[in-house]
Amino acid sequence: MPPTPVADETLSLRECADRLGVHYMTAYRYVRHGRLVATKVGPEWQVRSGDLAAFLAGPAGGPAPWADRLEARLLAGDHAGAWGVVESALSSGLDPAAVYVRLLAPALRDIGEGWAQGTISVADEHRATAAAARLLGRLGPRFVHRGQSRGRVVIGTPPGERHALAVGMAADHLRGGGWEVIELGCDLPVADFVRVAHEAGPISAIAVSVTMERALRPAHDLIRALRFADLGPILLGGGAVTPEAALRFGADAWAQDGPGGVVAMEEL
């Protein structure tokens, strides 16, 4: 539990973050969203101890949400602590798919935004990514579907897309949905993607993940090559893709995230 603030104490926002057990950017979001009262004095935010106590006592206070706690552990490179947060969530009744959706994806999204805004360094982002990759390694086997396969899916990214974790989480969601998945990772040349999909034998669909806007044009090129090879239905998804873009690129279905990909596969 966070320590009780001392009466009439004035805290910096970084000190508040330490007491709440979250990253500085998480505490800043609390202020920005109006959940934590703070005053800007020069370039710094200051929080009165009474306002911190009110935050802790209110419905939005108390222990930090799991996603915030996980974000802090990832940024610290604390692999054991990050797994401890995940274990707590699993013990509370969440399944691995919900852990991805409610903990890991929001934490990674906030870390990515911090990197884009320059409040998180490249080293911090890489350290967090390495810790998150270990979580996927431990959670992935829990998605294995028992019983007959519903078909085979090839999933990867176009050239220029660097976010392998998004592909890994989407692949696990599909595995949990009952599909056999051939996972190609990220930043794959178009010719190699098409070749592997061709060699995979009968496939139910090809999934292409795009989270970076700069990878949209290569995604269009990849889909055209896959369409020319006539290998099967194409599912385009990810944070950088809209339904309109998927239709314009010639994909057969669109999904925003892994759970959406499972639904799209069932419709295909």
C-alpha atoms as a PDB file:
ATOM      1  CA  MET A   1       0.000   0.000   0.000  1.00  0.00           C
ATOM      2  CA  PRO A   2       1.266   3.535  -0.736  1.00  0.00           C
ATOM      3  CA  PRO A   3       2.402   5.448   2.386  1.00  0.00           C
ATOM      4  CA  THR A   4      -0.037   7.905   3.923  1.00  0.00           C
ATOM      5  CA  PRO A   5       0.903  11.480   2.942  1.00  0.00           C
ATOM      6  CA  VAL A   6       2.141  13.755   5.715  1.00  0.00           C
ATOM      7  CA  ALA A   7      -0.257  16.610   6.558  1.00  0.00           C
ATOM      8  CA  ASP A   8       0.425  19.899   4.695  1.00  0.00           C
ATOM      9  CA  GLU A   9       3.243  18.321   2.725  1.00  0.00           C
ATOM     10  CA  THR A  10       3.910  19.534  -0.827  1.00  0.00           C
ATOM     11  CA  LEU A  11       5.102  16.867  -3.221  1.00  0.00           C
ATOM     12  CA  SER A  12       6.538  16.942  -6.681  1.00  0.00           C
ATOM     13  CA  LEU A  13       4.725  14.900  -9.278  1.00  0.00           C
ATOM     14  CA  ARG A  14       7.665  12.512  -9.411  1.00  0.00           C
ATOM     15  CA  GLU A  15       7.420  11.992  -5.638  1.00  0.00           C
ATOM     16  CA  CYS A  16       3.698  11.285  -6.053  1.00  0.00           C
ATOM     17  CA  ALA A  17       4.476   8.730  -8.742  1.00  0.00           C
ATOM     18  CA  ASP A  18       6.933   7.003  -6.388  1.00  0.00           C
ATOM     19  CA  ARG A  19       4.376   6.888  -3.587  1.00  0.00           C
ATOM     20  CA  LEU A  20       1.686   5.563  -5.906  1.00  0.00           C
ATOM     21  CA  GLY A  21       4.035   2.954  -7.341  1.00  0.00           C
ATOM     22  CA  VAL A  22       3.553   4.124 -10.938  1.00  0.00           C
ATOM     23  CA  HIS A  23       5.703   5.733 -13.631  1.00  0.00           C
ATOM     24  CA  TYR A  24       5.956   9.521 -13.761  1.00  0.00           C
ATOM     25  CA  MET A  25       3.978   9.624 -17.025  1.00  0.00           C
ATOM     26  CA  THR A  26       1.138   7.701 -15.386  1.00  0.00           C
ATOM     27  CA  ALA A  27       0.951  10.257 -12.583  1.00  0.00           C
ATOM     28  CA  TYR A  28       0.996  12.992 -15.223  1.00  0.00           C
ATOM     29  CA  ARG A  29      -1.964  11.352 -16.976  1.00  0.00           C
ATOM     30  CA  TYR A  30      -3.842  11.356 -13.659  1.00  0.00           C
ATOM     31  CA  VAL A  31      -3.320  15.119 -13.546  1.00  0.00           C
ATOM     32  CA  ARG A  32      -4.141  15.660 -17.207  1.00  0.00           C
ATOM     33  CA  HIS A  33      -7.380  13.680 -16.910  1.00  0.00           C
ATOM     34  CA  GLY A  34      -8.426  15.540 -13.776  1.00  0.00           C
ATOM     35  CA  ARG A  35      -8.144  12.566 -11.441  1.00  0.00           C
ATOM     36  CA  LEU A  36      -5.329  14.062  -9.345  1.00  0.00           C
ATOM     37  CA  VAL A  37      -5.346  17.755  -8.399  1.00  0.00           C
ATOM     38  CA  ALA A  38      -2.019  19.470  -9.056  1.00  0.00           C
ATOM     39  CA  THR A  39      -0.673  22.982  -9.519  1.00  0.00           C
ATOM     40  CA  LYS A  40       2.010  23.948 -12.001  1.00  0.00           C
ATOM     41  CA  VAL A  41       4.737  26.033 -10.389  1.00  0.00           C
ATOM     42  CA  GLY A  42       7.172  27.105 -13.085  1.00  0.00           C
ATOM     43  CA  PRO A  43       8.025  23.996 -15.134  1.00  0.00           C
ATOM     44  CA  GLU A  44       7.081  21.568 -12.339  1.00  0.00           C
ATOM     45  CA  TRP A  45       3.792  20.112 -11.120  1.00  0.00           C
ATOM     46  CA  GLN A  46       3.216  20.151  -7.365  1.00  0.00           C
ATOM     47  CA  VAL A  47       0.625  18.177  -5.413  1.00  0.00           C
ATOM     48  CA  ARG A  48      -0.612  18.956  -1.907  1.00  0.00           C
ATOM     49  CA  SER A  49      -0.646  16.016   0.454  1.00  0.00           C
ATOM     50  CA  GLY A  50      -4.368  16.461   1.077  1.00  0.00           C
ATOM     51  CA  ASP A  51      -5.096  16.166  -2.645  1.00  0.00           C
ATOM     52  CA  LEU A  52      -3.001  13.005  -2.863  1.00  0.00           C
ATOM     53  CA  ALA A  53      -4.901  11.603   0.137  1.00  0.00           C
ATOM     54  CA  ALA A  54      -8.218  12.442  -1.562  1.00  0.00           C
ATOM     55  CA  PHE A  55      -7.035  10.677  -4.713  1.00  0.00           C
ATOM     56  CA  LEU A  56      -6.102   7.584  -2.720  1.00  0.00           C
ATOM     57  CA  ALA A  57      -9.406   7.564  -0.842  1.00  0.00           C
ATOM     58  CA  GLY A  58     -11.636   8.274  -3.843  1.00  0.00           C
ATOM     59  CA  PRO A  59     -13.103   5.805  -6.320  1.00  0.00           C
ATOM     60  CA  ALA A  60     -10.303   6.537  -8.779  1.00  0.00           C
ATOM     61  CA  GLY A  61      -7.613   6.136  -6.132  1.00  0.00           C
ATOM     62  CA  GLY A  62      -6.387   3.169  -4.168  1.00  0.00           C
ATOM     63  CA  PRO A  63      -3.793   0.849  -5.592  1.00  0.00           C
ATOM     64  CA  ALA A  64      -2.864   1.742  -9.154  1.00  0.00           C
ATOM     65  CA  PRO A  65      -4.708  -0.168 -11.899  1.00  0.00           C
ATOM     66  CA  TRP A  66      -2.921  -3.262 -13.144  1.00  0.00           C
ATOM     67  CA  ALA A  67      -1.976  -1.654 -16.477  1.00  0.00           C
ATOM     68  CA  ASP A  68      -0.307   1.261 -14.674  1.00  0.00           C
ATOM     69  CA  ARG A  69       1.518  -1.047 -12.294  1.00  0.00           C
ATOM     70  CA  LEU A  70       2.662  -3.214 -15.193  1.00  0.00           C
ATOM     71  CA  GLU A  71       3.843  -0.163 -17.120  1.00  0.00           C
ATOM     72  CA  ALA A  72       6.005   0.901 -14.182  1.00  0.00           C
ATOM     73  CA  ARG A  73       7.570  -2.563 -13.872  1.00  0.00           C
ATOM     74  CA  LEU A  74       8.219  -2.786 -17.621  1.00  0.00           C
ATOM     75  CA  LEU A  75       9.912   0.622 -17.714  1.00  0.00           C
ATOM     76  CA  ALA A  76      12.058  -0.398 -14.762  1.00  0.00           C
ATOM     77  CA  GLY A  77      13.063  -3.585 -16.554  1.00  0.00           C
ATOM     78  CA  ASP A  78      11.773  -5.489 -13.535  1.00  0.00           C
ATOM     79  CA  HIS A  79      10.935  -8.858 -15.094  1.00  0.00           C
ATOM     80  CA  ALA A  80      10.001 -10.518 -11.815  1.00  0.00           C
ATOM     81  CA  GLY A  81       7.865  -7.569 -10.750  1.00  0.00           C
ATOM     82  CA  ALA A  82       6.105  -7.460 -14.113  1.00  0.00           C
ATOM     83  CA  TRP A  83       5.286 -11.147 -13.865  1.00  0.00           C
ATOM     84  CA  GLY A  84       4.049 -10.566 -10.320  1.00  0.00           C
ATOM     85  CA  VAL A  85       1.521  -8.029 -11.615  1.00  0.00           C
ATOM     86  CA  VAL A  86       0.373 -10.511 -14.271  1.00  0.00           C
ATOM     87  CA  GLU A  87       0.072 -13.294 -11.695  1.00  0.00           C
ATOM     88  CA  SER A  88      -2.079 -11.054  -9.500  1.00  0.00           C
ATOM     89  CA  ALA A  89      -4.383 -10.377 -12.440  1.00  0.00           C
ATOM     90  CA  LEU A  90      -4.589 -14.073 -13.306  1.00  0.00           C
ATOM     91  CA  SER A  91      -5.328 -14.937  -9.672  1.00  0.00           C
ATOM     92  CA  SER A  92      -8.186 -12.431  -9.671  1.00  0.00           C
ATOM     93  CA  GLY A  93      -9.898 -14.359 -12.460  1.00  0.00           C
ATOM     94  CA  LEU A  94      -8.587 -12.782 -15.670  1.00  0.00           C
ATOM     95  CA  ASP A  95      -7.621 -15.206 -18.410  1.00  0.00           C
ATOM     96  CA  PRO A  96      -4.454 -14.692 -20.511  1.00  0.00           C
ATOM     97  CA  ALA A  97      -6.424 -13.037 -23.329  1.00  0.00           C
ATOM     98  CA  ALA A  98      -7.821 -10.471 -20.887  1.00  0.00           C
ATOM     99  CA  VAL A  99      -4.326  -9.866 -19.521  1.00  0.00           C
ATOM    100  CA  TYR A 100      -3.207  -8.961 -23.026  1.00  0.00           C
ATOM    101  CA  VAL A 101      -6.190  -6.659 -23.605  1.00  0.00           C
ATOM    102  CA  ARG A 102      -6.482  -5.018 -20.182  1.00  0.00           C
ATOM    103  CA  LEU A 103      -2.869  -4.929 -18.988  1.00  0.00           C
ATOM    104  CA  LEU A 104      -0.218  -5.463 -21.594  1.00  0.00           C
ATOM    105  CA  ALA A 105      -1.699  -3.631 -24.594  1.00  0.00           C
ATOM    106  CA  PRO A 106      -2.556  -0.427 -22.634  1.00  0.00           C
ATOM    107  CA  ALA A 107       0.849  -0.420 -20.927  1.00  0.00           C
ATOM    108  CA  LEU A 108       2.692  -0.799 -24.234  1.00  0.00           C
ATOM    109  CA  ARG A 109       0.522   1.841 -25.877  1.00  0.00           C
ATOM    110  CA  ASP A 110       1.314   4.363 -23.130  1.00  0.00           C
ATOM    111  CA  ILE A 111       5.019   3.536 -23.312  1.00  0.00           C
ATOM    112  CA  GLY A 112       4.940   4.060 -27.073  1.00  0.00           C
ATOM    113  CA  GLU A 113       3.216   7.418 -26.647  1.00  0.00           C
ATOM    114  CA  GLY A 114       5.813   8.449 -24.086  1.00  0.00           C
ATOM    115  CA  TRP A 115       8.606   7.568 -26.491  1.00  0.00           C
ATOM    116  CA  ALA A 116       6.897   9.508 -29.315  1.00  0.00           C
ATOM    117  CA  GLN A 117       6.527  12.565 -27.042  1.00  0.00           C
ATOM    118  CA  GLY A 118      10.135  12.386 -25.892  1.00  0.00           C
ATOM    119  CA  THR A 119       9.289  11.753 -22.233  1.00  0.00           C
ATOM    120  CA  ILE A 120      10.623   8.191 -22.392  1.00  0.00           C
ATOM    121  CA  SER A 121      14.059   7.481 -23.824  1.00  0.00           C
ATOM    122  CA  VAL A 122      14.876   4.904 -26.463  1.00  0.00           C
ATOM    123  CA  ALA A 123      16.698   2.896 -23.804  1.00  0.00           C
ATOM    124  CA  ASP A 124      13.619   2.958 -21.550  1.00  0.00           C
ATOM    125  CA  GLU A 125      11.406   1.812 -24.436  1.00  0.00           C
ATOM    126  CA  HIS A 126      13.789  -0.992 -25.384  1.00  0.00           C
ATOM    127  CA  ARG A 127      14.086  -2.150 -21.783  1.00  0.00           C
ATOM    128  CA  ALA A 128      10.298  -2.223 -21.444  1.00  0.00           C
ATOM    129  CA  THR A 129       9.938  -4.096 -24.740  1.00  0.00           C
ATOM    130  CA  ALA A 130      12.428  -6.738 -23.636  1.00  0.00           C
ATOM    131  CA  ALA A 131      10.516  -7.251 -20.383  1.00  0.00           C
ATOM    132  CA  ALA A 132       7.208  -7.448 -22.255  1.00  0.00           C
ATOM    133  CA  ALA A 133       8.653 -10.046 -24.646  1.00  0.00           C
ATOM    134  CA  ARG A 134       9.449 -12.259 -21.657  1.00  0.00           C
ATOM    135  CA  LEU A 135       5.832 -11.973 -20.530  1.00  0.00           C
ATOM    136  CA  LEU A 136       4.638 -13.150 -23.937  1.00  0.00           C
ATOM    137  CA  GLY A 137       7.036 -16.067 -23.699  1.00  0.00           C
ATOM    138  CA  ARG A 138       5.479 -17.140 -20.395  1.00  0.00           C
ATOM    139  CA  LEU A 139       1.854 -16.478 -21.332  1.00  0.00           C
ATOM    140  CA  GLY A 140       1.964 -17.805 -24.891  1.00  0.00           C
ATOM    141  CA  PRO A 141       1.708 -21.529 -24.021  1.00  0.00           C
ATOM    142  CA  ARG A 142      -1.504 -20.814 -22.121  1.00  0.00           C
ATOM    143  CA  PHE A 143      -3.223 -19.935 -25.400  1.00  0.00           C
ATOM    144  CA  VAL A 144      -2.688 -23.366 -26.926  1.00  0.00           C
ATOM    145  CA  HIS A 145      -6.075 -24.721 -28.000  1.00  0.00           C
ATOM    146  CA  ARG A 146      -6.964 -28.271 -27.087  1.00  0.00           C
ATOM    147  CA  GLY A 147      -8.789 -30.183 -29.762  1.00  0.00           C
ATOM    148  CA  GLN A 148      -9.049 -30.108 -33.521  1.00  0.00           C
ATOM    149  CA  SER A 149      -7.557 -27.147 -35.364  1.00  0.00           C
ATOM    150  CA  ARG A 150      -9.978 -24.793 -37.115  1.00  0.00           C
ATOM    151  CA  GLY A 151      -7.432 -24.136 -39.840  1.00  0.00           C
ATOM    152  CA  ARG A 152      -4.075 -22.521 -40.452  1.00  0.00           C
ATOM    153  CA  VAL A 153      -3.279 -18.796 -40.402  1.00  0.00           C
ATOM    154  CA  VAL A 154      -0.070 -17.100 -41.512  1.00  0.00           C
ATOM    155  CA  ILE A 155       0.586 -13.803 -39.710  1.00  0.00           C
ATOM    156  CA  GLY A 156       3.316 -11.197 -40.060  1.00  0.00           C
ATOM    157  CA  THR A 157       3.998  -7.592 -41.010  1.00  0.00           C
ATOM    158  CA  PRO A 158       5.087  -5.722 -44.128  1.00  0.00           C
ATOM    159  CA  PRO A 159       8.564  -4.209 -44.493  1.00  0.00           C
ATOM    160  CA  GLY A 160       9.129  -1.240 -42.201  1.00  0.00           C
ATOM    161  CA  GLU A 161       6.798  -2.414 -39.426  1.00  0.00           C
ATOM    162  CA  ARG A 162       8.935  -2.903 -36.304  1.00  0.00           C
ATOM    163  CA  HIS A 163       6.419  -3.914 -33.633  1.00  0.00           C
ATOM    164  CA  ALA A 164       6.869  -7.648 -33.154  1.00  0.00           C
ATOM    165  CA  LEU A 165       4.959  -7.706 -29.851  1.00  0.00           C
ATOM    166  CA  ALA A 166       1.719  -6.727 -31.593  1.00  0.00           C
ATOM    167  CA  VAL A 167       2.144  -9.665 -33.974  1.00  0.00           C
ATOM    168  CA  GLY A 168       2.902 -12.016 -31.099  1.00  0.00           C
ATOM    169  CA  MET A 169      -0.178 -11.016 -29.119  1.00  0.00           C
ATOM    170  CA  ALA A 170      -2.424 -11.266 -32.184  1.00  0.00           C
ATOM    171  CA  ALA A 171      -0.970 -14.701 -32.958  1.00  0.00           C
ATOM    172  CA  ASP A 172      -1.688 -15.886 -29.415  1.00  0.00           C
ATOM    173  CA  HIS A 173      -5.285 -14.669 -29.627  1.00  0.00           C
ATOM    174  CA  LEU A 174      -5.725 -16.657 -32.840  1.00  0.00           C
ATOM    175  CA  ARG A 175      -4.181 -19.750 -31.245  1.00  0.00           C
ATOM    176  CA  GLY A 176      -6.574 -19.399 -28.349  1.00  0.00           C
ATOM    177  CA  GLY A 177      -9.406 -19.212 -30.876  1.00  0.00           C
ATOM    178  CA  GLY A 178      -8.466 -22.618 -32.230  1.00  0.00           C
ATOM    179  CA  TRP A 179      -6.286 -21.835 -35.244  1.00  0.00           C
ATOM    180  CA  GLU A 180      -2.843 -23.153 -36.019  1.00  0.00           C
ATOM    181  CA  VAL A 181      -0.630 -20.092 -36.504  1.00  0.00           C
ATOM    182  CA  ILE A 182       2.529 -19.655 -38.535  1.00  0.00           C
ATOM    183  CA  GLU A 183       4.066 -16.521 -37.058  1.00  0.00           C
ATOM    184  CA  LEU A 184       6.532 -14.602 -39.219  1.00  0.00           C
ATOM    185  CA  GLY A 185       7.376 -11.723 -36.875  1.00  0.00           C
ATOM    186  CA  CYS A 186       7.933  -8.205 -38.184  1.00  0.00           C
ATOM    187  CA  ASP A 187       9.669  -6.301 -40.980  1.00  0.00           C
ATOM    188  CA  LEU A 188       9.560  -9.164 -43.464  1.00  0.00           C
ATOM    189  CA  PRO A 189      10.365  -8.581 -47.164  1.00  0.00           C
ATOM    190  CA  VAL A 190       7.356  -9.007 -49.414  1.00  0.00           C
ATOM    191  CA  ALA A 191       8.911 -11.833 -51.446  1.00  0.00           C
ATOM    192  CA  ASP A 192       9.729 -13.831 -48.300  1.00  0.00           C
ATOM    193  CA  PHE A 193       6.239 -13.315 -46.861  1.00  0.00           C
ATOM    194  CA  VAL A 194       4.623 -14.572 -50.078  1.00  0.00           C
ATOM    195  CA  ARG A 195       6.997 -17.527 -50.331  1.00  0.00           C
ATOM    196  CA  VAL A 196       6.357 -18.735 -46.782  1.00  0.00           C
ATOM    197  CA  ALA A 197       2.598 -18.338 -47.209  1.00  0.00           C
ATOM    198  CA  HIS A 198       2.799 -20.356 -50.435  1.00  0.00           C
ATOM    199  CA  GLU A 199       4.837 -23.111 -48.757  1.00  0.00           C
ATOM    200  CA  ALA A 200       2.488 -23.295 -45.758  1.00  0.00           C
ATOM    201  CA  GLY A 201       0.033 -25.463 -47.649  1.00  0.00           C
ATOM    202  CA  PRO A 202      -3.739 -24.987 -47.339  1.00  0.00           C
ATOM    203  CA  ILE A 203      -4.369 -21.901 -45.209  1.00  0.00           C
ATOM    204  CA  SER A 204      -7.562 -20.342 -43.884  1.00  0.00           C
ATOM    205  CA  ALA A 205      -6.265 -16.770 -44.063  1.00  0.00           C
ATOM    206  CA  ILE A 206      -3.245 -14.499 -44.112  1.00  0.00           C
ATOM    207  CA  ALA A 207      -3.122 -11.847 -41.386  1.00  0.00           C
ATOM    208  CA  VAL A 208      -1.111  -8.652 -41.839  1.00  0.00           C
ATOM    209  CA  SER A 209      -0.425  -6.448 -38.800  1.00  0.00           C
ATOM    210  CA  VAL A 210       0.339  -2.719 -39.146  1.00  0.00           C
ATOM    211  CA  THR A 211       0.781  -0.421 -36.143  1.00  0.00           C
ATOM    212  CA  MET A 212       2.994   2.241 -37.772  1.00  0.00           C
ATOM    213  CA  GLU A 213       1.663   4.674 -40.370  1.00  0.00           C
ATOM    214  CA  ARG A 214       4.894   4.539 -42.357  1.00  0.00           C
ATOM    215  CA  ALA A 215       4.239   0.826 -42.979  1.00  0.00           C
ATOM    216  CA  LEU A 216       0.865   1.422 -44.651  1.00  0.00           C
ATOM    217  CA  ARG A 217       2.260   1.787 -48.176  1.00  0.00           C
ATOM    218  CA  PRO A 218       4.394  -1.383 -47.844  1.00  0.00           C
ATOM    219  CA  ALA A 219       1.280  -3.118 -46.478  1.00  0.00           C
ATOM    220  CA  HIS A 220      -0.584  -2.140 -49.632  1.00  0.00           C
ATOM    221  CA  ASP A 221       2.260  -3.562 -51.740  1.00  0.00           C
ATOM    222  CA  LEU A 222       2.267  -6.776 -49.686  1.00  0.00           C
ATOM    223  CA  ILE A 223      -1.470  -7.262 -50.053  1.00  0.00           C
ATOM    224  CA  ARG A 224      -1.250  -6.758 -53.806  1.00  0.00           C
ATOM    225  CA  ALA A 225       1.473  -9.412 -53.997  1.00  0.00           C
ATOM    226  CA  LEU A 226      -0.523 -11.827 -51.844  1.00  0.00           C
ATOM    227  CA  ARG A 227      -3.625 -11.178 -53.912  1.00  0.00           C
ATOM    228  CA  PHE A 228      -1.698 -11.855 -57.126  1.00  0.00           C
ATOM    229  CA  ALA A 229      -0.443 -15.157 -55.656  1.00  0.00           C
ATOM    230  CA  ASP A 230      -4.053 -16.100 -54.788  1.00  0.00           C
ATOM    231  CA  LEU A 231      -3.147 -17.783 -51.513  1.00  0.00           C
ATOM    232  CA  GLY A 232      -6.334 -17.151 -49.528  1.00  0.00           C
ATOM    233  CA  PRO A 233      -8.377 -14.484 -47.717  1.00  0.00           C
ATOM    234  CA  ILE A 234      -6.395 -11.554 -46.304  1.00  0.00           C
ATOM    235  CA  LEU A 235      -7.046 -10.025 -42.882  1.00  0.00           C
ATOM    236  CA  LEU A 236      -5.519  -6.577 -42.328  1.00  0.00           C
ATOM    237  CA  GLY A 237      -5.375  -5.168 -38.813  1.00  0.00           C
ATOM    238  CA  GLY A 238      -3.526  -3.097 -36.245  1.00  0.00           C
ATOM    239  CA  GLY A 239      -3.617   0.342 -34.705  1.00  0.00           C
ATOM    240  CA  ALA A 240      -2.589   2.140 -37.906  1.00  0.00           C
ATOM    241  CA  VAL A 241      -5.313   0.596 -40.052  1.00  0.00           C
ATOM    242  CA  THR A 242      -8.896   1.767 -40.526  1.00  0.00           C
ATOM    243  CA  PRO A 243     -11.726  -0.258 -42.075  1.00  0.00           C
ATOM    244  CA  GLU A 244     -11.667   2.141 -45.016  1.00  0.00           C
ATOM    245  CA  ALA A 245      -7.952   1.529 -45.579  1.00  0.00           C
ATOM    246  CA  ALA A 246      -8.447  -2.230 -45.410  1.00  0.00           C
ATOM    247  CA  LEU A 247     -11.136  -2.012 -48.072  1.00  0.00           C
ATOM    248  CA  ARG A 248      -9.046   0.326 -50.219  1.00  0.00           C
ATOM    249  CA  PHE A 249      -6.007  -1.975 -49.991  1.00  0.00           C
ATOM    250  CA  GLY A 250      -8.051  -4.975 -51.119  1.00  0.00           C
ATOM    251  CA  ALA A 251      -8.154  -6.915 -47.832  1.00  0.00           C
ATOM    252  CA  ASP A 252     -11.067  -9.269 -47.191  1.00  0.00           C
ATOM    253  CA  ALA A 253     -11.479  -8.310 -43.523  1.00  0.00           C
ATOM    254  CA  TRP A 254     -10.287  -5.778 -40.941  1.00  0.00           C
ATOM    255  CA  ALA A 255      -9.549  -6.031 -37.234  1.00  0.00           C
ATOM    256  CA  GLN A 256      -8.330  -3.444 -34.756  1.00  0.00           C
ATOM    257  CA  ASP A 257      -6.638  -5.916 -32.421  1.00  0.00           C
ATOM    258  CA  GLY A 258      -6.167  -9.595 -31.576  1.00  0.00           C
ATOM    259  CA  PRO A 259      -9.681 -10.252 -30.229  1.00  0.00           C
ATOM    260  CA  GLY A 260     -11.085  -8.490 -33.275  1.00  0.00           C
ATOM    261  CA  GLY A 261      -8.940 -10.754 -35.433  1.00  0.00           C
ATOM    262  CA  VAL A 262     -10.560 -13.826 -33.876  1.00  0.00           C
ATOM    263  CA  VAL A 263     -14.017 -12.428 -34.642  1.00  0.00           C
ATOM    264  CA  ALA A 264     -12.966 -11.580 -38.212  1.00  0.00           C
ATOM    265  CA  MET A 265     -11.596 -15.080 -38.722  1.00  0.00           C
ATOM    266  CA  GLU A 266     -14.883 -16.595 -37.566  1.00  0.00           C
ATOM    267  CA  GLU A 267     -16.727 -14.419 -40.069  1.00  0.00           C
ATOM    268  CA  LEU A 268     -14.308 -15.357 -42.852  1.00  0.00           C
END
